[in-house]
N, C-alpha and C. Protein backbone atom coordinates (compact mmCIF):
# COMPACT_ATOMS: atom_id res chain seq x y z
N MET A 1 0.77 -0.96 0.25
CA MET A 1 0.02 0.23 0.33
C MET A 1 1.27 1.30 -0.32
N ASP A 2 0.37 1.80 -1.32
CA ASP A 2 1.43 3.40 -1.08
C ASP A 2 0.96 4.53 -0.12
N ALA A 3 1.33 5.11 0.57
CA ALA A 3 1.11 6.77 1.02
C ALA A 3 0.17 7.34 1.14
N ASP A 4 -0.32 8.02 -0.40
CA ASP A 4 -1.45 7.78 -0.57
C ASP A 4 -2.65 7.15 -0.73
N SER A 5 -2.52 5.50 -1.15
CA SER A 5 -3.72 5.04 -0.44
C SER A 5 -4.06 4.60 0.65
N ALA A 6 -2.85 4.85 1.16
CA ALA A 6 -2.86 4.88 2.71
C ALA A 6 -4.07 5.60 3.55
N GLN A 7 -3.41 7.37 2.92
CA GLN A 7 -4.42 8.84 3.36
C GLN A 7 -6.02 8.80 2.91
N GLN A 8 -5.95 7.92 1.52
CA GLN A 8 -7.17 7.71 0.89
C GLN A 8 -8.44 7.62 1.86
N PHE A 9 -7.66 5.82 2.53
CA PHE A 9 -8.12 4.81 3.11
C PHE A 9 -9.03 5.79 4.61
N ALA A 10 -7.46 5.91 5.07
CA ALA A 10 -8.19 6.73 6.61
C ALA A 10 -8.90 7.95 6.52
N ARG A 11 -8.89 8.95 5.49
CA ARG A 11 -10.06 9.68 5.32
C ARG A 11 -11.36 9.46 4.94
N GLU A 12 -11.23 8.22 4.28
CA GLU A 12 -12.75 7.72 3.82
C GLU A 12 -13.63 6.78 5.72
N TRP A 13 -12.52 6.24 5.93
CA TRP A 13 -12.60 5.41 7.58
C TRP A 13 -12.96 6.52 8.63
N VAL A 14 -12.28 7.22 8.66
CA VAL A 14 -12.91 8.18 9.75
C VAL A 14 -13.72 9.37 9.73
N LYS A 15 -14.10 9.56 8.38
CA LYS A 15 -15.53 10.17 7.87
C LYS A 15 -16.31 9.53 8.05
N ALA A 16 -16.44 7.95 7.89
CA ALA A 16 -18.22 7.18 8.26
C ALA A 16 -17.70 7.02 9.70
N TRP A 17 -16.88 6.70 10.68
CA TRP A 17 -16.96 6.65 11.62
C TRP A 17 -17.66 8.36 12.53
N ASN A 18 -16.89 9.54 12.23
CA ASN A 18 -17.62 10.37 12.73
C ASN A 18 -19.00 10.95 12.12
N ASP A 19 -19.50 10.44 10.94
CA ASP A 19 -20.90 10.35 10.78
C ASP A 19 -22.06 9.35 11.02
N HIS A 20 -21.15 8.44 12.06
CA HIS A 20 -21.82 7.75 12.62
C HIS A 20 -22.62 6.81 11.65
N ASP A 21 -22.11 6.45 10.27
CA ASP A 21 -22.46 5.98 9.25
C ASP A 21 -21.79 4.10 9.32
N LEU A 22 -22.33 3.51 9.76
CA LEU A 22 -22.27 1.66 9.97
C LEU A 22 -21.56 1.30 8.49
N ALA A 23 -23.12 1.72 7.24
CA ALA A 23 -22.90 0.73 6.73
C ALA A 23 -21.55 1.05 5.90
N ALA A 24 -20.94 2.46 6.01
CA ALA A 24 -20.02 2.88 5.38
C ALA A 24 -18.92 2.67 5.81
N ILE A 25 -19.30 2.75 7.16
CA ILE A 25 -17.30 1.63 7.90
C ILE A 25 -17.62 0.32 7.86
N LEU A 26 -18.88 -0.52 7.55
CA LEU A 26 -18.79 -1.92 6.77
C LEU A 26 -18.00 -1.82 5.90
N ALA A 27 -18.53 -1.42 4.56
CA ALA A 27 -18.08 -1.28 3.72
C ALA A 27 -16.48 -1.49 2.87
N HIS A 28 -16.08 -1.44 4.14
CA HIS A 28 -14.41 -1.11 4.25
C HIS A 28 -14.05 -2.45 4.69
N TYR A 29 -14.69 -3.07 4.76
CA TYR A 29 -14.40 -5.01 5.40
C TYR A 29 -14.81 -5.81 4.38
N ALA A 30 -13.93 -7.04 4.63
CA ALA A 30 -14.29 -8.37 3.67
C ALA A 30 -15.51 -9.28 4.51
N GLU A 31 -16.09 -10.00 4.22
CA GLU A 31 -16.79 -11.03 4.65
C GLU A 31 -16.19 -11.45 5.64
N ASP A 32 -15.30 -12.09 5.55
CA ASP A 32 -14.90 -12.90 6.74
C ASP A 32 -13.85 -12.68 7.52
N VAL A 33 -13.92 -10.86 8.05
CA VAL A 33 -12.70 -10.14 8.50
C VAL A 33 -12.76 -10.33 10.29
N VAL A 34 -11.68 -10.34 10.52
CA VAL A 34 -11.37 -10.74 12.17
C VAL A 34 -10.84 -9.50 12.92
N PHE A 35 -11.50 -8.97 13.69
CA PHE A 35 -11.45 -7.64 14.11
C PHE A 35 -11.03 -7.75 15.98
N HIS A 36 -9.85 -7.43 16.19
CA HIS A 36 -9.53 -7.73 17.79
C HIS A 36 -9.37 -6.25 18.11
N SER A 37 -10.28 -6.20 19.85
CA SER A 37 -10.33 -4.95 20.32
C SER A 37 -10.39 -5.43 21.98
N PRO A 38 -9.93 -4.81 22.82
CA PRO A 38 -9.71 -5.00 24.16
C PRO A 38 -11.06 -4.37 24.51
N ARG A 39 -11.77 -3.25 23.66
CA ARG A 39 -13.30 -2.82 24.07
C ARG A 39 -14.45 -3.67 23.78
N ILE A 40 -14.00 -4.86 22.94
CA ILE A 40 -15.24 -5.68 22.64
C ILE A 40 -16.11 -6.46 24.16
N ARG A 41 -15.20 -6.62 25.18
CA ARG A 41 -15.25 -7.33 26.15
C ARG A 41 -16.38 -6.08 27.30
N MET A 42 -15.70 -4.90 27.03
CA MET A 42 -16.86 -4.16 27.54
C MET A 42 -18.28 -3.93 26.82
N VAL A 43 -17.86 -3.86 25.36
CA VAL A 43 -19.46 -3.37 25.33
C VAL A 43 -20.09 -4.90 25.27
N THR A 44 -20.00 -5.55 24.50
CA THR A 44 -20.40 -7.21 24.63
C THR A 44 -21.10 -7.75 26.29
N GLY A 45 -19.79 -7.31 27.05
CA GLY A 45 -19.96 -8.47 28.48
C GLY A 45 -19.61 -9.45 27.90
N ARG A 46 -18.97 -10.13 26.72
CA ARG A 46 -18.78 -11.58 27.27
C ARG A 46 -17.15 -11.33 27.33
N ASP A 47 -16.76 -12.77 27.55
CA ASP A 47 -15.11 -12.69 27.35
C ASP A 47 -14.48 -13.42 26.15
N ILE A 48 -14.19 -12.19 25.41
CA ILE A 48 -13.75 -12.08 23.94
C ILE A 48 -13.64 -10.79 24.00
N ASP A 49 -12.12 -11.06 22.85
CA ASP A 49 -11.71 -9.60 22.72
C ASP A 49 -11.46 -9.90 21.37
N PHE A 50 -12.62 -10.56 20.28
CA PHE A 50 -12.17 -10.22 18.49
C PHE A 50 -13.60 -10.73 18.08
N VAL A 51 -14.08 -10.65 17.04
CA VAL A 51 -15.33 -10.63 16.51
C VAL A 51 -14.77 -11.37 15.06
N THR A 52 -15.23 -12.77 14.79
CA THR A 52 -15.30 -13.04 12.96
C THR A 52 -16.70 -12.55 12.31
N GLY A 53 -16.30 -12.43 11.26
CA GLY A 53 -17.39 -12.21 10.38
C GLY A 53 -17.86 -10.52 10.18
N LYS A 54 -18.11 -10.33 9.08
CA LYS A 54 -19.18 -8.83 9.00
C LYS A 54 -20.21 -8.95 9.46
N ASP A 55 -21.06 -10.36 9.92
CA ASP A 55 -22.12 -9.88 10.27
C ASP A 55 -22.13 -9.63 11.93
N ALA A 56 -21.17 -10.31 12.97
CA ALA A 56 -20.92 -9.72 14.33
C ALA A 56 -20.12 -8.59 14.30
N LEU A 57 -19.19 -8.30 13.29
CA LEU A 57 -18.77 -6.93 13.17
C LEU A 57 -19.96 -5.79 13.38
N ARG A 58 -20.68 -6.09 12.48
CA ARG A 58 -22.08 -5.03 12.34
C ARG A 58 -22.82 -5.09 13.67
N SER A 59 -23.28 -6.00 14.25
CA SER A 59 -23.58 -6.40 15.87
C SER A 59 -22.97 -5.69 16.93
N TYR A 60 -21.48 -5.85 16.81
CA TYR A 60 -20.88 -5.00 17.56
C TYR A 60 -20.67 -3.51 17.69
N TRP A 61 -20.59 -3.11 16.30
CA TRP A 61 -20.29 -1.66 16.34
C TRP A 61 -22.02 -1.04 15.95
N ALA A 62 -22.61 -1.68 16.12
CA ALA A 62 -24.28 -1.12 16.26
C ALA A 62 -23.96 -0.69 17.68
N ALA A 63 -23.84 -1.56 18.68
CA ALA A 63 -23.82 -1.57 20.21
C ALA A 63 -22.90 -0.77 20.62
N ALA A 64 -22.03 -0.62 20.17
CA ALA A 64 -20.69 0.42 20.61
C ALA A 64 -21.26 2.00 20.26
N LEU A 65 -21.58 2.19 18.89
CA LEU A 65 -22.08 3.48 18.94
C LEU A 65 -23.22 3.56 19.01
N GLU A 66 -23.75 2.84 19.46
CA GLU A 66 -25.07 3.22 20.62
C GLU A 66 -24.91 4.16 22.17
N ARG A 67 -23.78 3.40 22.34
CA ARG A 67 -22.98 3.67 23.93
C ARG A 67 -22.55 4.78 23.54
N ALA A 68 -21.80 4.95 22.99
CA ALA A 68 -21.09 6.12 22.22
C ALA A 68 -21.47 6.79 20.95
N ARG A 69 -22.42 7.56 21.71
CA ARG A 69 -23.26 8.57 20.58
C ARG A 69 -22.00 9.88 20.44
N ASP A 70 -21.04 10.58 21.43
CA ASP A 70 -20.39 11.19 21.05
C ASP A 70 -19.01 10.93 20.17
N LEU A 71 -18.49 9.87 20.05
CA LEU A 71 -18.31 9.31 18.88
C LEU A 71 -17.24 10.25 17.99
N TYR A 72 -16.22 10.48 18.25
CA TYR A 72 -15.35 11.23 16.96
C TYR A 72 -14.17 11.22 17.04
N PHE A 73 -12.96 10.89 16.03
CA PHE A 73 -11.51 10.60 15.75
C PHE A 73 -10.84 11.37 15.20
N GLU A 74 -10.05 11.60 15.38
CA GLU A 74 -9.16 12.81 14.56
C GLU A 74 -7.65 12.29 14.72
N VAL A 75 -7.29 11.81 12.78
CA VAL A 75 -6.54 10.78 12.98
C VAL A 75 -4.90 11.91 12.84
N ASP A 76 -3.96 11.32 13.57
CA ASP A 76 -2.69 11.87 13.98
C ASP A 76 -1.95 11.61 12.75
N HIS A 77 -1.88 10.01 12.56
CA HIS A 77 -0.28 10.01 12.10
C HIS A 77 -1.45 8.39 11.17
N VAL A 78 -0.74 8.98 9.80
CA VAL A 78 -1.37 7.35 8.93
C VAL A 78 -0.16 6.65 8.28
N LEU A 79 0.33 5.35 8.69
CA LEU A 79 1.40 4.99 7.98
C LEU A 79 1.22 3.56 7.57
N ALA A 80 1.99 3.89 6.12
CA ALA A 80 1.82 2.34 5.31
C ALA A 80 2.43 1.16 5.22
N GLY A 81 1.38 0.12 5.11
CA GLY A 81 2.72 -1.19 4.90
C GLY A 81 2.57 -1.68 3.54
N SER A 82 3.04 -2.89 3.91
CA SER A 82 3.34 -3.84 3.61
C SER A 82 1.51 -4.75 2.68
N GLY A 83 0.74 -4.41 2.08
CA GLY A 83 -0.81 -4.68 2.15
C GLY A 83 -1.28 -4.37 3.39
N ALA A 84 -1.16 -3.59 4.53
CA ALA A 84 -1.19 -2.93 5.40
C ALA A 84 -1.42 -1.71 5.75
N LEU A 85 -2.02 -0.80 7.00
CA LEU A 85 -1.32 0.46 7.11
C LEU A 85 -2.46 0.55 8.42
N THR A 86 -1.35 1.46 9.33
CA THR A 86 -2.07 1.49 10.34
C THR A 86 -2.12 3.27 10.98
N ILE A 87 -4.10 3.37 11.01
CA ILE A 87 -4.28 4.84 11.60
C ILE A 87 -4.05 4.82 13.29
N VAL A 88 -2.88 5.62 13.46
CA VAL A 88 -3.06 6.27 15.13
C VAL A 88 -4.09 7.60 14.73
N TYR A 89 -4.85 7.16 15.48
CA TYR A 89 -5.79 8.57 15.85
C TYR A 89 -6.23 8.93 17.44
N THR A 90 -6.89 9.72 18.00
CA THR A 90 -7.40 9.84 19.23
C THR A 90 -9.18 10.31 19.04
N ASN A 91 -9.78 9.58 20.05
CA ASN A 91 -10.61 9.19 19.78
C ASN A 91 -11.10 10.11 20.86
N HIS A 92 -12.81 10.23 20.71
CA HIS A 92 -13.57 11.49 21.87
C HIS A 92 -13.32 11.22 23.38
N ARG A 93 -12.29 10.02 24.07
CA ARG A 93 -12.25 9.85 24.93
C ARG A 93 -10.84 10.66 25.14
N GLN A 94 -10.40 10.98 24.46
CA GLN A 94 -8.63 11.91 24.26
C GLN A 94 -7.88 10.47 24.45
N GLN A 95 -8.38 9.35 24.23
CA GLN A 95 -7.49 8.13 24.30
C GLN A 95 -6.05 7.92 22.73
N THR A 96 -5.19 7.67 22.61
CA THR A 96 -4.61 7.94 21.66
C THR A 96 -4.99 6.11 21.60
N VAL A 97 -5.21 5.68 20.19
CA VAL A 97 -5.69 4.68 19.64
C VAL A 97 -4.93 4.16 18.28
N ALA A 98 -3.89 3.34 18.03
CA ALA A 98 -3.27 2.66 16.85
C ALA A 98 -4.24 1.49 16.20
N GLU A 99 -4.70 1.52 15.14
CA GLU A 99 -5.69 0.50 14.31
C GLU A 99 -4.71 0.37 13.09
N THR A 100 -4.36 -0.89 13.44
CA THR A 100 -3.66 -1.75 11.86
C THR A 100 -5.17 -2.85 11.30
N PHE A 101 -4.64 -2.49 9.79
CA PHE A 101 -5.46 -3.23 9.03
C PHE A 101 -4.84 -4.00 8.21
N VAL A 102 -5.25 -5.34 7.70
CA VAL A 102 -4.75 -6.25 6.82
C VAL A 102 -5.28 -6.38 6.03
N PHE A 103 -4.95 -5.83 4.36
CA PHE A 103 -5.98 -6.37 3.44
C PHE A 103 -6.44 -7.65 2.75
N ASN A 104 -7.08 -7.88 2.02
CA ASN A 104 -7.46 -9.26 1.44
C ASN A 104 -6.95 -8.55 -0.13
N ALA A 105 -6.80 -9.40 -1.17
CA ALA A 105 -6.28 -9.17 -2.40
C ALA A 105 -7.72 -8.65 -3.00
N ALA A 106 -8.76 -8.40 -2.78
CA ALA A 106 -9.82 -7.38 -3.27
C ALA A 106 -9.91 -6.05 -2.79
N GLY A 107 -8.71 -6.13 -1.98
CA GLY A 107 -8.92 -4.32 -1.12
C GLY A 107 -9.74 -4.23 0.14
N LYS A 108 -10.30 -5.34 0.48
CA LYS A 108 -11.46 -5.44 1.85
C LYS A 108 -10.37 -5.64 2.95
N VAL A 109 -11.08 -4.94 4.35
CA VAL A 109 -10.03 -5.42 5.36
C VAL A 109 -10.13 -6.91 5.70
N GLU A 110 -9.11 -7.91 5.83
CA GLU A 110 -9.56 -8.76 6.43
C GLU A 110 -9.30 -9.24 7.79
N ARG A 111 -8.21 -8.43 8.29
CA ARG A 111 -7.98 -8.66 9.50
C ARG A 111 -7.65 -7.04 10.18
N SER A 112 -8.17 -6.53 11.36
CA SER A 112 -7.59 -5.13 11.93
C SER A 112 -7.96 -5.70 13.56
N ILE A 113 -6.60 -4.54 14.13
CA ILE A 113 -6.32 -4.44 15.53
C ILE A 113 -6.20 -3.43 15.86
N ALA A 114 -6.85 -3.43 17.10
CA ALA A 114 -6.83 -2.13 17.71
C ALA A 114 -6.14 -1.95 18.57
N ALA A 115 -5.16 -0.89 19.31
CA ALA A 115 -4.83 -0.96 20.51
C ALA A 115 -4.43 0.47 20.81
N TYR A 116 -5.10 0.85 22.28
CA TYR A 116 -5.21 1.97 23.18
C TYR A 116 -4.25 1.89 24.12
N GLY A 117 -3.98 3.46 24.18
CA GLY A 117 -2.78 3.73 24.74
C GLY A 117 -3.40 4.76 26.25
């Protein structure tokens, strides 16, 4: 992934989140996506830190968006990698978050890992 493509993805991804547009957010992800985040436990109340598949991701993020109506992300850095990128951003709770996205051959996110500072 080149720097321009990474920046474009980051702009579109953050806009979808800041608009609270779940369909636009999910449009970036493959059907078989695996998403890891320590926040999954807090939102779902289950002892898991990942979800598998777009339907499970949709359910998790719908619940998360419902709980965080003031959600807003501000991009700090975008780092391009080999078939991957990392967006470092500040969220509405003033936490620093680094989210890494690994893309499949179709250009959709197949794995994503969120880490919180």
